[in-house]
Structures are given as C-alpha cells and as structure tokens.
Amino acid sequence: MAPKRSVAFEDSATGIAAARAAGLYVAVVPSLQVADLDHDWLGASLAQPELLNWARELGHGSVH
C-alpha cells in the first residue's frame, strides 16, 4: 500500500521516527505521558471513533 494511505500506530519516539522515515501517517496513543511526540492523530485509545473518522480521510488531502 502507498505510504500516503498507510498508518503506523506508535507509542514511542523511536517508532515514530521510523514511520516518518518510511513516509507513513502516524497515529499515537502514548503508553506513558510523553511530551511532544510527533503525530498526525493523537488519542487516548485506539477505540476512539475519531480515529476511524480520521483514517477515512487518508489520501483525500484533508488530513491534518
């Protein structure tokens, strides 16, 4: 799948850096309280409805 339509689910700066190097979107649910993790989506749980809504927009140019 093309990186512009792929998501890495990460909880660490190292994983986020690898995902960014691969050109992926990054969804973050931190396992620890860490400040300033780079992300495209940040949430408290992967079960949040907002995550699915955000993911539906990937590749359509409207994701921030």
N, C-alpha and C. Protein backbone atom coordinates (compact mmCIF):
# COMPACT_ATOMS: atom_id res chain seq x y z
N MET A 1 0.85 -1.17 0.00
CA MET A 1 0.00 0.00 0.00
C MET A 1 0.90 1.24 0.00
N ALA A 2 0.45 2.28 -0.66
CA ALA A 2 1.22 3.52 -0.75
C ALA A 2 1.34 4.19 0.61
N PRO A 3 2.52 4.74 0.92
CA PRO A 3 2.69 5.41 2.21
C PRO A 3 1.66 6.50 2.49
N LYS A 4 1.19 7.18 1.47
CA LYS A 4 0.21 8.26 1.69
C LYS A 4 -1.14 7.73 2.14
N ARG A 5 -1.33 6.41 2.12
CA ARG A 5 -2.58 5.82 2.58
C ARG A 5 -2.33 4.80 3.68
N SER A 6 -1.15 4.84 4.27
CA SER A 6 -0.77 3.88 5.32
C SER A 6 -0.54 4.58 6.64
N VAL A 7 -0.82 3.85 7.72
CA VAL A 7 -0.70 4.42 9.07
C VAL A 7 0.18 3.53 9.92
N ALA A 8 1.05 4.14 10.68
CA ALA A 8 1.80 3.45 11.72
C ALA A 8 1.15 3.81 13.05
N PHE A 9 0.90 2.81 13.87
CA PHE A 9 0.36 3.03 15.21
C PHE A 9 1.53 2.90 16.16
N GLU A 10 1.89 4.01 16.79
CA GLU A 10 3.11 4.05 17.60
C GLU A 10 2.85 4.65 18.97
N ASP A 11 3.79 4.35 19.88
CA ASP A 11 3.73 4.95 21.22
C ASP A 11 5.10 5.39 21.70
N SER A 12 6.08 5.45 20.78
CA SER A 12 7.43 5.86 21.18
C SER A 12 8.05 6.75 20.10
N ALA A 13 8.97 7.59 20.52
CA ALA A 13 9.65 8.49 19.59
C ALA A 13 10.45 7.70 18.56
N THR A 14 11.05 6.59 18.95
CA THR A 14 11.83 5.77 18.02
C THR A 14 10.94 5.19 16.92
N GLY A 15 9.81 4.64 17.30
CA GLY A 15 8.87 4.10 16.33
C GLY A 15 8.31 5.17 15.42
N ILE A 16 8.04 6.33 15.97
CA ILE A 16 7.52 7.44 15.18
C ILE A 16 8.56 7.89 14.16
N ALA A 17 9.82 7.97 14.56
CA ALA A 17 10.89 8.36 13.63
C ALA A 17 10.99 7.37 12.47
N ALA A 18 10.88 6.08 12.76
CA ALA A 18 10.94 5.07 11.71
C ALA A 18 9.75 5.19 10.76
N ALA A 19 8.57 5.43 11.32
CA ALA A 19 7.38 5.60 10.49
C ALA A 19 7.49 6.82 9.60
N ARG A 20 7.98 7.91 10.14
CA ARG A 20 8.16 9.13 9.34
C ARG A 20 9.17 8.89 8.22
N ALA A 21 10.27 8.17 8.53
CA ALA A 21 11.28 7.88 7.52
C ALA A 21 10.69 7.06 6.37
N ALA A 22 9.67 6.25 6.68
CA ALA A 22 9.00 5.44 5.66
C ALA A 22 7.90 6.21 4.94
N GLY A 23 7.62 7.44 5.38
CA GLY A 23 6.61 8.26 4.74
C GLY A 23 5.18 7.96 5.17
N LEU A 24 5.03 7.39 6.36
CA LEU A 24 3.70 7.00 6.84
C LEU A 24 3.04 8.08 7.68
N TYR A 25 1.72 8.04 7.72
CA TYR A 25 0.98 8.81 8.72
C TYR A 25 1.23 8.14 10.06
N VAL A 26 1.11 8.92 11.14
CA VAL A 26 1.37 8.37 12.47
C VAL A 26 0.19 8.65 13.39
N ALA A 27 -0.37 7.57 13.94
CA ALA A 27 -1.40 7.66 14.97
C ALA A 27 -0.73 7.27 16.29
N VAL A 28 -0.90 8.09 17.30
CA VAL A 28 -0.22 7.88 18.57
C VAL A 28 -1.22 7.75 19.71
N VAL A 29 -1.04 6.70 20.48
CA VAL A 29 -1.70 6.52 21.77
C VAL A 29 -0.57 6.25 22.74
N PRO A 30 -0.08 7.29 23.41
CA PRO A 30 1.09 7.12 24.27
C PRO A 30 0.84 6.15 25.42
N SER A 31 1.80 5.26 25.64
CA SER A 31 1.70 4.34 26.78
C SER A 31 2.17 5.02 28.06
N LEU A 32 2.97 6.04 27.91
CA LEU A 32 3.44 6.85 29.04
C LEU A 32 3.16 8.31 28.71
N GLN A 33 3.12 9.14 29.71
CA GLN A 33 2.93 10.57 29.49
C GLN A 33 4.22 11.17 28.95
N VAL A 34 4.28 11.34 27.65
CA VAL A 34 5.47 11.87 26.98
C VAL A 34 5.07 13.13 26.24
N ALA A 35 5.85 14.16 26.41
CA ALA A 35 5.54 15.43 25.75
C ALA A 35 6.10 15.46 24.33
N ASP A 36 5.39 16.12 23.47
CA ASP A 36 5.87 16.46 22.13
C ASP A 36 6.17 15.28 21.22
N LEU A 37 5.35 14.24 21.23
CA LEU A 37 5.51 13.17 20.25
C LEU A 37 4.93 13.66 18.92
N ASP A 38 5.69 13.53 17.85
CA ASP A 38 5.24 13.90 16.52
C ASP A 38 4.09 12.96 16.13
N HIS A 39 3.02 13.51 15.59
CA HIS A 39 1.87 12.67 15.25
C HIS A 39 0.96 13.37 14.25
N ASP A 40 0.16 12.59 13.58
CA ASP A 40 -0.91 13.11 12.74
C ASP A 40 -2.25 12.99 13.46
N TRP A 41 -2.34 11.98 14.32
CA TRP A 41 -3.52 11.78 15.15
C TRP A 41 -3.04 11.37 16.53
N LEU A 42 -3.61 11.96 17.57
CA LEU A 42 -3.24 11.65 18.96
C LEU A 42 -4.51 11.36 19.73
N GLY A 43 -4.52 10.24 20.44
CA GLY A 43 -5.70 9.89 21.20
C GLY A 43 -5.36 9.13 22.46
N ALA A 44 -6.38 8.87 23.24
CA ALA A 44 -6.22 8.15 24.50
C ALA A 44 -6.46 6.65 24.32
N SER A 45 -7.09 6.26 23.18
CA SER A 45 -7.41 4.86 22.95
C SER A 45 -7.59 4.63 21.45
N LEU A 46 -7.21 3.45 20.98
CA LEU A 46 -7.45 3.09 19.58
C LEU A 46 -8.92 2.83 19.32
N ALA A 47 -9.73 2.78 20.37
CA ALA A 47 -11.17 2.55 20.23
C ALA A 47 -11.95 3.84 20.02
N GLN A 48 -11.29 4.98 20.01
CA GLN A 48 -11.98 6.26 19.83
C GLN A 48 -12.57 6.36 18.44
N PRO A 49 -13.84 6.72 18.30
CA PRO A 49 -14.46 6.87 16.98
C PRO A 49 -13.73 7.90 16.11
N GLU A 50 -13.12 8.88 16.71
CA GLU A 50 -12.41 9.90 15.96
C GLU A 50 -11.28 9.31 15.12
N LEU A 51 -10.67 8.22 15.60
CA LEU A 51 -9.58 7.59 14.86
C LEU A 51 -10.10 7.04 13.53
N LEU A 52 -11.21 6.37 13.55
CA LEU A 52 -11.79 5.84 12.32
C LEU A 52 -12.18 6.96 11.37
N ASN A 53 -12.77 8.01 11.91
CA ASN A 53 -13.14 9.15 11.07
C ASN A 53 -11.91 9.77 10.42
N TRP A 54 -10.83 9.93 11.18
CA TRP A 54 -9.58 10.47 10.65
C TRP A 54 -9.02 9.55 9.57
N ALA A 55 -8.99 8.24 9.83
CA ALA A 55 -8.42 7.29 8.88
C ALA A 55 -9.19 7.26 7.56
N ARG A 56 -10.47 7.48 7.62
CA ARG A 56 -11.28 7.50 6.38
C ARG A 56 -10.84 8.61 5.44
N GLU A 57 -10.28 9.66 5.98
CA GLU A 57 -9.88 10.81 5.17
C GLU A 57 -8.48 10.67 4.57
N LEU A 58 -7.72 9.65 4.94
CA LEU A 58 -6.37 9.48 4.41
C LEU A 58 -6.39 9.38 2.90
N GLY A 59 -5.46 10.06 2.28
CA GLY A 59 -5.37 10.02 0.84
C GLY A 59 -6.32 10.95 0.12
N HIS A 60 -7.15 11.65 0.88
CA HIS A 60 -8.10 12.59 0.26
C HIS A 60 -7.63 14.04 0.43
N GLY A 61 -6.44 14.23 1.00
CA GLY A 61 -5.89 15.57 1.11
C GLY A 61 -6.44 16.43 2.21
N SER A 62 -7.30 15.87 3.08
CA SER A 62 -7.90 16.70 4.11
C SER A 62 -7.43 16.34 5.52
N VAL A 63 -6.47 15.44 5.64
CA VAL A 63 -5.97 15.04 6.96
C VAL A 63 -4.91 16.03 7.41
N HIS A 64 -4.99 16.43 8.68
CA HIS A 64 -4.01 17.37 9.24
C HIS A 64 -3.20 16.67 10.28
